[in-house]
Structure formats: C-alpha cells, structure tokens
C-alpha atoms as a PDB file:
ATOM      1  CA  MET A   1     125.408 107.716  74.039  1.00  0.00           C
ATOM      2  CA  VAL A   2     125.410 104.994  76.698  1.00  0.00           C
ATOM      3  CA  ARG A   3     128.093 106.828  78.630  1.00  0.00           C
ATOM      4  CA  GLN A   4     126.038 110.050  78.602  1.00  0.00           C
ATOM      5  CA  GLU A   5     122.929 108.196  79.823  1.00  0.00           C
ATOM      6  CA  GLY A   6     124.995 106.684  82.611  1.00  0.00           C
ATOM      7  CA  ARG A   7     126.193 110.124  83.648  1.00  0.00           C
ATOM      8  CA  GLN A   8     122.644 111.480  83.644  1.00  0.00           C
ATOM      9  CA  GLU A   9     121.458 108.567  85.777  1.00  0.00           C
ATOM     10  CA  GLY A  10     124.366 109.150  88.128  1.00  0.00           C
ATOM     11  CA  ARG A  11     123.535 112.833  88.472  1.00  0.00           C
ATOM     12  CA  GLN A  12     119.887 111.992  89.061  1.00  0.00           C
ATOM     13  CA  GLU A  13     120.838 109.569  91.840  1.00  0.00           C
ATOM     14  CA  VAL A  14     123.076 112.202  93.459  1.00  0.00           C
ATOM     15  CA  ARG A  15     120.186 114.702  93.370  1.00  0.00           C
ATOM     16  CA  CYS A  16     117.818 112.137  94.872  1.00  0.00           C
ATOM     17  CA  ALA A  17     120.313 111.262  97.604  1.00  0.00           C
ATOM     18  CA  ALA A  18     120.669 114.958  98.460  1.00  0.00           C
ATOM     19  CA  ALA A  19     116.877 115.390  98.477  1.00  0.00           C
ATOM     20  CA  ARG A  20     116.454 112.366 100.768  1.00  0.00           C
ATOM     21  CA  GLU A  21     119.097 113.734 103.124  1.00  0.00           C
ATOM     22  CA  PHE A  22     117.470 117.171 103.141  1.00  0.00           C
ATOM     23  CA  LEU A  23     114.043 115.668 103.808  1.00  0.00           C
ATOM     24  CA  LEU A  24     115.347 113.654 106.755  1.00  0.00           C
ATOM     25  CA  ASP A  25     117.153 116.739 108.087  1.00  0.00           C
ATOM     26  CA  VAL A  26     113.954 118.806 107.908  1.00  0.00           C
ATOM     27  CA  LEU A  27     111.995 116.093 109.687  1.00  0.00           C
ATOM     28  CA  ALA A  28     114.622 115.752 112.403  1.00  0.00           C
ATOM     29  CA  GLU A  29     114.756 119.505 112.918  1.00  0.00           C
ATOM     30  CA  ARG A  30     110.977 119.830 113.175  1.00  0.00           C
ATOM     31  CA  PHE A  31     110.061 116.654 115.051  1.00  0.00           C
ATOM     32  CA  GLY A  32     113.230 115.140 116.504  1.00  0.00           C
ATOM     33  CA  PRO A  33     115.163 112.094 115.323  1.00  0.00           C
ATOM     34  CA  CYS A  34     113.394 109.981 112.693  1.00  0.00           C
ATOM     35  CA  ASP A  35     112.603 106.405 113.528  1.00  0.00           C
ATOM     36  CA  ALA A  36     113.935 103.537 111.431  1.00  0.00           C
ATOM     37  CA  ALA A  37     110.636 103.062 109.564  1.00  0.00           C
ATOM     38  CA  VAL A  38     110.560 106.664 108.333  1.00  0.00           C
ATOM     39  CA  ILE A  39     114.217 106.538 107.339  1.00  0.00           C
ATOM     40  CA  SER A  40     113.638 103.305 105.452  1.00  0.00           C
ATOM     41  CA  GLU A  41     110.597 104.680 103.619  1.00  0.00           C
ATOM     42  CA  VAL A  42     112.406 107.878 102.659  1.00  0.00           C
ATOM     43  CA  GLU A  43     115.477 105.948 101.505  1.00  0.00           C
ATOM     44  CA  ALA A  44     113.261 103.808  99.255  1.00  0.00           C
ATOM     45  CA  LEU A  45     112.029 106.847  97.324  1.00  0.00           C
ATOM     46  CA  SER A  46     113.773 107.622  94.049  1.00  0.00           C
ATOM     47  CA  ASP A  47     111.533 110.194  92.370  1.00  0.00           C
ATOM     48  CA  LEU A  48     113.069 113.646  92.718  1.00  0.00           C
ATOM     49  CA  ILE A  49     109.785 115.485  92.217  1.00  0.00           C
ATOM     50  CA  GLN A  50     108.137 113.359  94.874  1.00  0.00           C
ATOM     51  CA  LEU A  51     111.009 113.965  97.296  1.00  0.00           C
ATOM     52  CA  ARG A  52     110.809 117.716  96.758  1.00  0.00           C
ATOM     53  CA  ARG A  53     107.051 117.672  97.301  1.00  0.00           C
ATOM     54  CA  LEU A  54     107.518 115.729 100.537  1.00  0.00           C
ATOM     55  CA  ALA A  55     110.162 118.192 101.742  1.00  0.00           C
ATOM     56  CA  LYS A  56     107.724 121.053 101.197  1.00  0.00           C
ATOM     57  CA  ARG A  57     105.029 119.149 103.081  1.00  0.00           C
ATOM     58  CA  ALA A  58     107.477 118.425 105.912  1.00  0.00           C
ATOM     59  CA  LEU A  59     107.908 122.173 106.329  1.00  0.00           C
ATOM     60  CA  LYS A  60     104.153 122.753 106.526  1.00  0.00           C
ATOM     61  CA  VAL A  61     102.624 119.902 108.519  1.00  0.00           C
ATOM     62  CA  THR A  62     102.083 120.489 112.209  1.00  0.00           C
ATOM     63  CA  LEU A  63     102.263 116.904 113.447  1.00  0.00           C
ATOM     64  CA  PRO A  64     104.576 114.013 112.570  1.00  0.00           C
ATOM     65  CA  GLY A  65     101.532 111.813 111.953  1.00  0.00           C
ATOM     66  CA  GLU A  66     100.397 114.132 109.167  1.00  0.00           C
ATOM     67  CA  PHE A  67     103.713 113.663 107.447  1.00  0.00           C
ATOM     68  CA  ARG A  68     103.580 109.884 107.892  1.00  0.00           C
ATOM     69  CA  LEU A  69     100.328 109.844 105.925  1.00  0.00           C
ATOM     70  CA  GLU A  70     101.990 111.816 103.126  1.00  0.00           C
ATOM     71  CA  LEU A  71     104.979 109.481 103.193  1.00  0.00           C
ATOM     72  CA  LYS A  72     102.812 106.365 103.058  1.00  0.00           C
ATOM     73  CA  ALA A  73     100.918 107.778 100.072  1.00  0.00           C
ATOM     74  CA  ALA A  74     104.214 108.504  98.313  1.00  0.00           C
ATOM     75  CA  ALA A  75     105.490 104.989  99.046  1.00  0.00           C
ATOM     76  CA  ALA A  76     102.257 103.485  97.692  1.00  0.00           C
ATOM     77  CA  ALA A  77     102.555 105.581  94.537  1.00  0.00           C
ATOM     78  CA  THR A  78     106.128 104.402  94.068  1.00  0.00           C
ATOM     79  CA  GLU A  79     105.115 100.746  94.465  1.00  0.00           C
ATOM     80  CA  ALA A  80     102.287 101.190  91.951  1.00  0.00           C
ATOM     81  CA  GLN A  81     104.731 102.318  89.243  1.00  0.00           C
END
C-alpha cells in the first residue's frame, strides 16, 4: 500500500513538472523569455489543476502583466492551503 502511494505521488510530481515546463514554454513563446521571478513562482506551484488553468490563461491573456496577476493569485491560493 505504501509503495503504491509512493508511485502515485511520483506520477503526480512528474505530471506537475511537465505542466510547469509547458506553462513556461507557452509564456516564453507568447511573451519572450520569462524572468527569474515568474520562473520561481511557477516552479513553486504543485497543484496540477491550477497549473493547467494557468496554462489555459497564458494562451488567452494579451499582456504579460495580465498573466502575472493570475500567477500571483495562484501563488496566494497555494500559500493559503
């Protein structure tokens, strides 16, 4: 049972890492290279649903500042948990 839980956690972390990488790729493609603060905030996120939501927002926002607001809200939500 413990081994299976460990595997599930490992798979979840791999999915989150892929989602973080995808999100940063989308941001870089749309707005140019991400600064260290954005990278750090994205890397701190570990909720897959939240990361997917942010990736969708990254595809829709028109300005980097709009996305920063979304990212800050996500970071605040993560800290509140």
